[in-house]
Amino acid sequence: MDGRTPVIGKTADVSGSGCSICLPDPVPVDGLGQVAFDLLVEGRTVSVNTRARAMYCIFGGGEFKIGFKFLGLDLPTAAALARYMK
């Protein structure tokens, strides 16, 4: 998140417009930051690295599940996400 130290989380759900990531600490709703993760698409690793907005932050099971909406995806990344969703 902008102004914070980068953290490593676990991607829980991925769609063409966003993802949810499980983190040990909460993130402010409407906060902006950079989201980066890798996908396996058609046998190749594709890196997703994009700006995102936190849409929700829910605590459960000892961690926070944060829903992020992707902002300004580039065309190759959007195409890779679409292929991943098939």
N, C-alpha and C. Protein backbone atom coordinates (compact mmCIF):
# COMPACT_ATOMS: atom_id res chain seq x y z
N MET A 1 0.84 -1.17 0.00
CA MET A 1 0.00 0.00 0.00
C MET A 1 0.89 1.24 0.00
N ASP A 2 0.41 2.29 -0.62
CA ASP A 2 1.20 3.52 -0.70
C ASP A 2 1.61 3.96 0.70
N GLY A 3 2.87 4.27 0.86
CA GLY A 3 3.39 4.75 2.12
C GLY A 3 3.68 3.67 3.15
N ARG A 4 3.50 2.41 2.79
CA ARG A 4 3.76 1.30 3.71
C ARG A 4 4.85 0.39 3.16
N THR A 5 5.43 -0.38 4.04
CA THR A 5 6.42 -1.37 3.64
C THR A 5 5.73 -2.49 2.89
N PRO A 6 6.29 -2.99 1.79
CA PRO A 6 5.67 -4.12 1.07
C PRO A 6 5.53 -5.34 1.97
N VAL A 7 4.44 -6.09 1.77
CA VAL A 7 4.19 -7.31 2.53
C VAL A 7 3.88 -8.45 1.57
N ILE A 8 4.11 -9.66 2.03
CA ILE A 8 3.79 -10.85 1.23
C ILE A 8 2.50 -11.44 1.76
N GLY A 9 1.60 -11.77 0.85
CA GLY A 9 0.33 -12.37 1.21
C GLY A 9 0.05 -13.59 0.36
N LYS A 10 -1.14 -14.13 0.53
CA LYS A 10 -1.57 -15.30 -0.22
C LYS A 10 -2.78 -14.91 -1.07
N THR A 11 -2.67 -15.07 -2.38
CA THR A 11 -3.79 -14.76 -3.26
C THR A 11 -4.88 -15.79 -3.06
N ALA A 12 -6.10 -15.32 -2.78
CA ALA A 12 -7.22 -16.22 -2.52
C ALA A 12 -8.12 -16.39 -3.74
N ASP A 13 -8.44 -15.31 -4.42
CA ASP A 13 -9.30 -15.33 -5.60
C ASP A 13 -8.73 -14.36 -6.63
N VAL A 14 -8.89 -14.71 -7.91
CA VAL A 14 -8.42 -13.83 -8.98
C VAL A 14 -9.50 -13.77 -10.04
N SER A 15 -9.78 -12.56 -10.53
CA SER A 15 -10.72 -12.38 -11.65
C SER A 15 -10.08 -11.40 -12.63
N GLY A 16 -10.79 -11.09 -13.67
CA GLY A 16 -10.28 -10.16 -14.66
C GLY A 16 -10.24 -8.72 -14.16
N SER A 17 -10.98 -8.44 -13.08
CA SER A 17 -11.05 -7.06 -12.59
C SER A 17 -10.44 -6.86 -11.21
N GLY A 18 -10.03 -7.96 -10.56
CA GLY A 18 -9.46 -7.80 -9.23
C GLY A 18 -9.06 -9.12 -8.62
N CYS A 19 -8.70 -9.05 -7.35
CA CYS A 19 -8.29 -10.26 -6.62
C CYS A 19 -8.51 -10.04 -5.13
N SER A 20 -8.48 -11.12 -4.38
CA SER A 20 -8.45 -11.00 -2.93
C SER A 20 -7.16 -11.63 -2.44
N ILE A 21 -6.59 -10.99 -1.45
CA ILE A 21 -5.31 -11.43 -0.91
C ILE A 21 -5.43 -11.49 0.60
N CYS A 22 -4.95 -12.58 1.19
CA CYS A 22 -4.95 -12.75 2.64
C CYS A 22 -3.63 -12.20 3.19
N LEU A 23 -3.76 -11.30 4.17
CA LEU A 23 -2.61 -10.64 4.78
C LEU A 23 -2.71 -10.70 6.30
N PRO A 24 -1.57 -10.57 6.99
CA PRO A 24 -1.61 -10.63 8.45
C PRO A 24 -2.16 -9.37 9.11
N ASP A 25 -2.13 -8.23 8.41
CA ASP A 25 -2.57 -6.95 8.97
C ASP A 25 -3.64 -6.32 8.08
N PRO A 26 -4.51 -5.48 8.66
CA PRO A 26 -5.56 -4.85 7.87
C PRO A 26 -5.01 -3.81 6.90
N VAL A 27 -5.83 -3.51 5.90
CA VAL A 27 -5.52 -2.49 4.90
C VAL A 27 -6.73 -1.54 4.88
N PRO A 28 -6.50 -0.23 4.81
CA PRO A 28 -7.65 0.69 4.79
C PRO A 28 -8.45 0.56 3.49
N VAL A 29 -9.78 0.47 3.64
CA VAL A 29 -10.66 0.44 2.48
C VAL A 29 -10.48 1.75 1.71
N ASP A 30 -10.46 1.68 0.40
CA ASP A 30 -10.20 2.79 -0.53
C ASP A 30 -8.72 3.14 -0.62
N GLY A 31 -7.86 2.42 0.12
CA GLY A 31 -6.43 2.66 0.03
C GLY A 31 -5.89 2.20 -1.32
N LEU A 32 -4.88 2.88 -1.80
CA LEU A 32 -4.26 2.55 -3.09
C LEU A 32 -2.89 1.94 -2.86
N GLY A 33 -2.51 1.04 -3.75
CA GLY A 33 -1.20 0.43 -3.66
C GLY A 33 -0.88 -0.37 -4.90
N GLN A 34 0.23 -1.05 -4.86
CA GLN A 34 0.69 -1.90 -5.95
C GLN A 34 0.45 -3.35 -5.57
N VAL A 35 -0.13 -4.13 -6.47
CA VAL A 35 -0.37 -5.56 -6.26
C VAL A 35 0.44 -6.31 -7.30
N ALA A 36 1.19 -7.31 -6.85
CA ALA A 36 2.02 -8.10 -7.77
C ALA A 36 1.92 -9.57 -7.39
N PHE A 37 1.70 -10.42 -8.41
CA PHE A 37 1.67 -11.87 -8.20
C PHE A 37 1.88 -12.55 -9.55
N ASP A 38 2.15 -13.84 -9.51
CA ASP A 38 2.37 -14.62 -10.73
C ASP A 38 1.21 -15.59 -10.93
N LEU A 39 0.87 -15.81 -12.19
CA LEU A 39 -0.15 -16.78 -12.60
C LEU A 39 0.48 -17.79 -13.54
N LEU A 40 -0.03 -19.00 -13.53
CA LEU A 40 0.36 -19.99 -14.52
C LEU A 40 -0.73 -20.01 -15.59
N VAL A 41 -0.40 -19.50 -16.77
CA VAL A 41 -1.35 -19.39 -17.88
C VAL A 41 -0.83 -20.18 -19.06
N GLU A 42 -1.56 -21.22 -19.44
CA GLU A 42 -1.20 -22.04 -20.59
C GLU A 42 0.25 -22.52 -20.51
N GLY A 43 0.66 -22.94 -19.31
CA GLY A 43 1.99 -23.49 -19.11
C GLY A 43 3.10 -22.47 -18.95
N ARG A 44 2.75 -21.20 -18.96
CA ARG A 44 3.75 -20.14 -18.81
C ARG A 44 3.44 -19.31 -17.56
N THR A 45 4.49 -18.84 -16.89
CA THR A 45 4.30 -17.94 -15.76
C THR A 45 4.13 -16.52 -16.28
N VAL A 46 3.04 -15.88 -15.85
CA VAL A 46 2.75 -14.50 -16.23
C VAL A 46 2.74 -13.66 -14.96
N SER A 47 3.53 -12.61 -14.95
CA SER A 47 3.57 -11.71 -13.80
C SER A 47 2.51 -10.62 -13.94
N VAL A 48 1.73 -10.43 -12.89
CA VAL A 48 0.76 -9.35 -12.81
C VAL A 48 1.33 -8.35 -11.82
N ASN A 49 1.45 -7.11 -12.25
CA ASN A 49 1.98 -6.05 -11.40
C ASN A 49 1.23 -4.78 -11.76
N THR A 50 0.27 -4.38 -10.92
CA THR A 50 -0.61 -3.27 -11.28
C THR A 50 -1.04 -2.49 -10.05
N ARG A 51 -1.52 -1.29 -10.28
CA ARG A 51 -2.12 -0.49 -9.21
C ARG A 51 -3.46 -1.11 -8.85
N ALA A 52 -3.86 -0.95 -7.59
CA ALA A 52 -5.12 -1.51 -7.14
C ALA A 52 -5.67 -0.68 -5.99
N ARG A 53 -7.00 -0.76 -5.84
CA ARG A 53 -7.70 -0.09 -4.74
C ARG A 53 -8.30 -1.16 -3.84
N ALA A 54 -8.12 -1.01 -2.52
CA ALA A 54 -8.72 -1.93 -1.56
C ALA A 54 -10.22 -1.64 -1.47
N MET A 55 -11.03 -2.65 -1.76
CA MET A 55 -12.49 -2.49 -1.77
C MET A 55 -13.13 -2.99 -0.48
N TYR A 56 -12.52 -3.98 0.16
CA TYR A 56 -13.01 -4.46 1.45
C TYR A 56 -11.86 -5.09 2.22
N CYS A 57 -12.07 -5.22 3.53
CA CYS A 57 -11.06 -5.83 4.41
C CYS A 57 -11.84 -6.55 5.51
N ILE A 58 -11.77 -7.88 5.50
CA ILE A 58 -12.56 -8.72 6.41
C ILE A 58 -11.60 -9.59 7.22
N PHE A 59 -11.82 -9.63 8.54
CA PHE A 59 -11.00 -10.47 9.40
C PHE A 59 -11.67 -11.81 9.61
N GLY A 60 -10.89 -12.89 9.51
CA GLY A 60 -11.41 -14.23 9.77
C GLY A 60 -10.29 -15.24 9.72
N GLY A 61 -10.36 -16.23 10.57
CA GLY A 61 -9.35 -17.28 10.57
C GLY A 61 -7.95 -16.80 10.88
N GLY A 62 -7.84 -15.71 11.64
CA GLY A 62 -6.53 -15.22 12.03
C GLY A 62 -5.82 -14.36 11.00
N GLU A 63 -6.52 -13.99 9.91
CA GLU A 63 -5.90 -13.14 8.89
C GLU A 63 -6.95 -12.22 8.30
N PHE A 64 -6.50 -11.26 7.51
CA PHE A 64 -7.39 -10.31 6.86
C PHE A 64 -7.48 -10.64 5.38
N LYS A 65 -8.71 -10.75 4.86
CA LYS A 65 -8.92 -10.97 3.44
C LYS A 65 -9.29 -9.63 2.83
N ILE A 66 -8.43 -9.15 1.93
CA ILE A 66 -8.61 -7.84 1.33
C ILE A 66 -8.96 -8.01 -0.15
N GLY A 67 -10.04 -7.38 -0.56
CA GLY A 67 -10.44 -7.40 -1.96
C GLY A 67 -9.89 -6.19 -2.67
N PHE A 68 -9.15 -6.42 -3.74
CA PHE A 68 -8.54 -5.35 -4.52
C PHE A 68 -9.17 -5.27 -5.91
N LYS A 69 -9.42 -4.06 -6.37
CA LYS A 69 -9.87 -3.81 -7.74
C LYS A 69 -8.67 -3.30 -8.52
N PHE A 70 -8.37 -3.97 -9.65
CA PHE A 70 -7.25 -3.54 -10.48
C PHE A 70 -7.55 -2.19 -11.11
N LEU A 71 -6.53 -1.37 -11.22
CA LEU A 71 -6.65 -0.05 -11.85
C LEU A 71 -5.69 0.04 -13.02
N GLY A 72 -6.18 0.37 -14.19
CA GLY A 72 -5.33 0.62 -15.34
C GLY A 72 -4.49 -0.56 -15.80
N LEU A 73 -5.11 -1.74 -15.88
CA LEU A 73 -4.37 -2.91 -16.38
C LEU A 73 -3.90 -2.67 -17.80
N ASP A 74 -2.67 -3.08 -18.10
CA ASP A 74 -2.22 -2.99 -19.48
C ASP A 74 -2.84 -4.14 -20.28
N LEU A 75 -2.88 -4.01 -21.58
CA LEU A 75 -3.55 -4.98 -22.45
C LEU A 75 -2.99 -6.40 -22.33
N PRO A 76 -1.66 -6.60 -22.33
CA PRO A 76 -1.14 -7.97 -22.20
C PRO A 76 -1.55 -8.63 -20.87
N THR A 77 -1.55 -7.86 -19.79
CA THR A 77 -1.94 -8.42 -18.49
C THR A 77 -3.43 -8.75 -18.48
N ALA A 78 -4.26 -7.87 -19.02
CA ALA A 78 -5.70 -8.14 -19.10
C ALA A 78 -5.98 -9.39 -19.93
N ALA A 79 -5.25 -9.56 -21.03
CA ALA A 79 -5.43 -10.74 -21.88
C ALA A 79 -4.99 -12.00 -21.14
N ALA A 80 -3.90 -11.93 -20.38
CA ALA A 80 -3.43 -13.09 -19.62
C ALA A 80 -4.44 -13.46 -18.54
N LEU A 81 -5.03 -12.48 -17.88
CA LEU A 81 -6.06 -12.75 -16.87
C LEU A 81 -7.28 -13.41 -17.51
N ALA A 82 -7.67 -12.94 -18.69
CA ALA A 82 -8.81 -13.54 -19.40
C ALA A 82 -8.52 -14.99 -19.75
N ARG A 83 -7.31 -15.29 -20.20
CA ARG A 83 -6.94 -16.68 -20.51
C ARG A 83 -6.91 -17.53 -19.24
N TYR A 84 -6.45 -16.95 -18.15
CA TYR A 84 -6.41 -17.67 -16.87
C TYR A 84 -7.82 -18.03 -16.39
N MET A 85 -8.78 -17.15 -16.65
CA MET A 85 -10.16 -17.35 -16.18
C MET A 85 -10.90 -18.43 -16.97
N LYS A 86 -10.40 -18.82 -18.14
CA LYS A 86 -11.08 -19.83 -18.96
C LYS A 86 -11.10 -21.18 -18.28
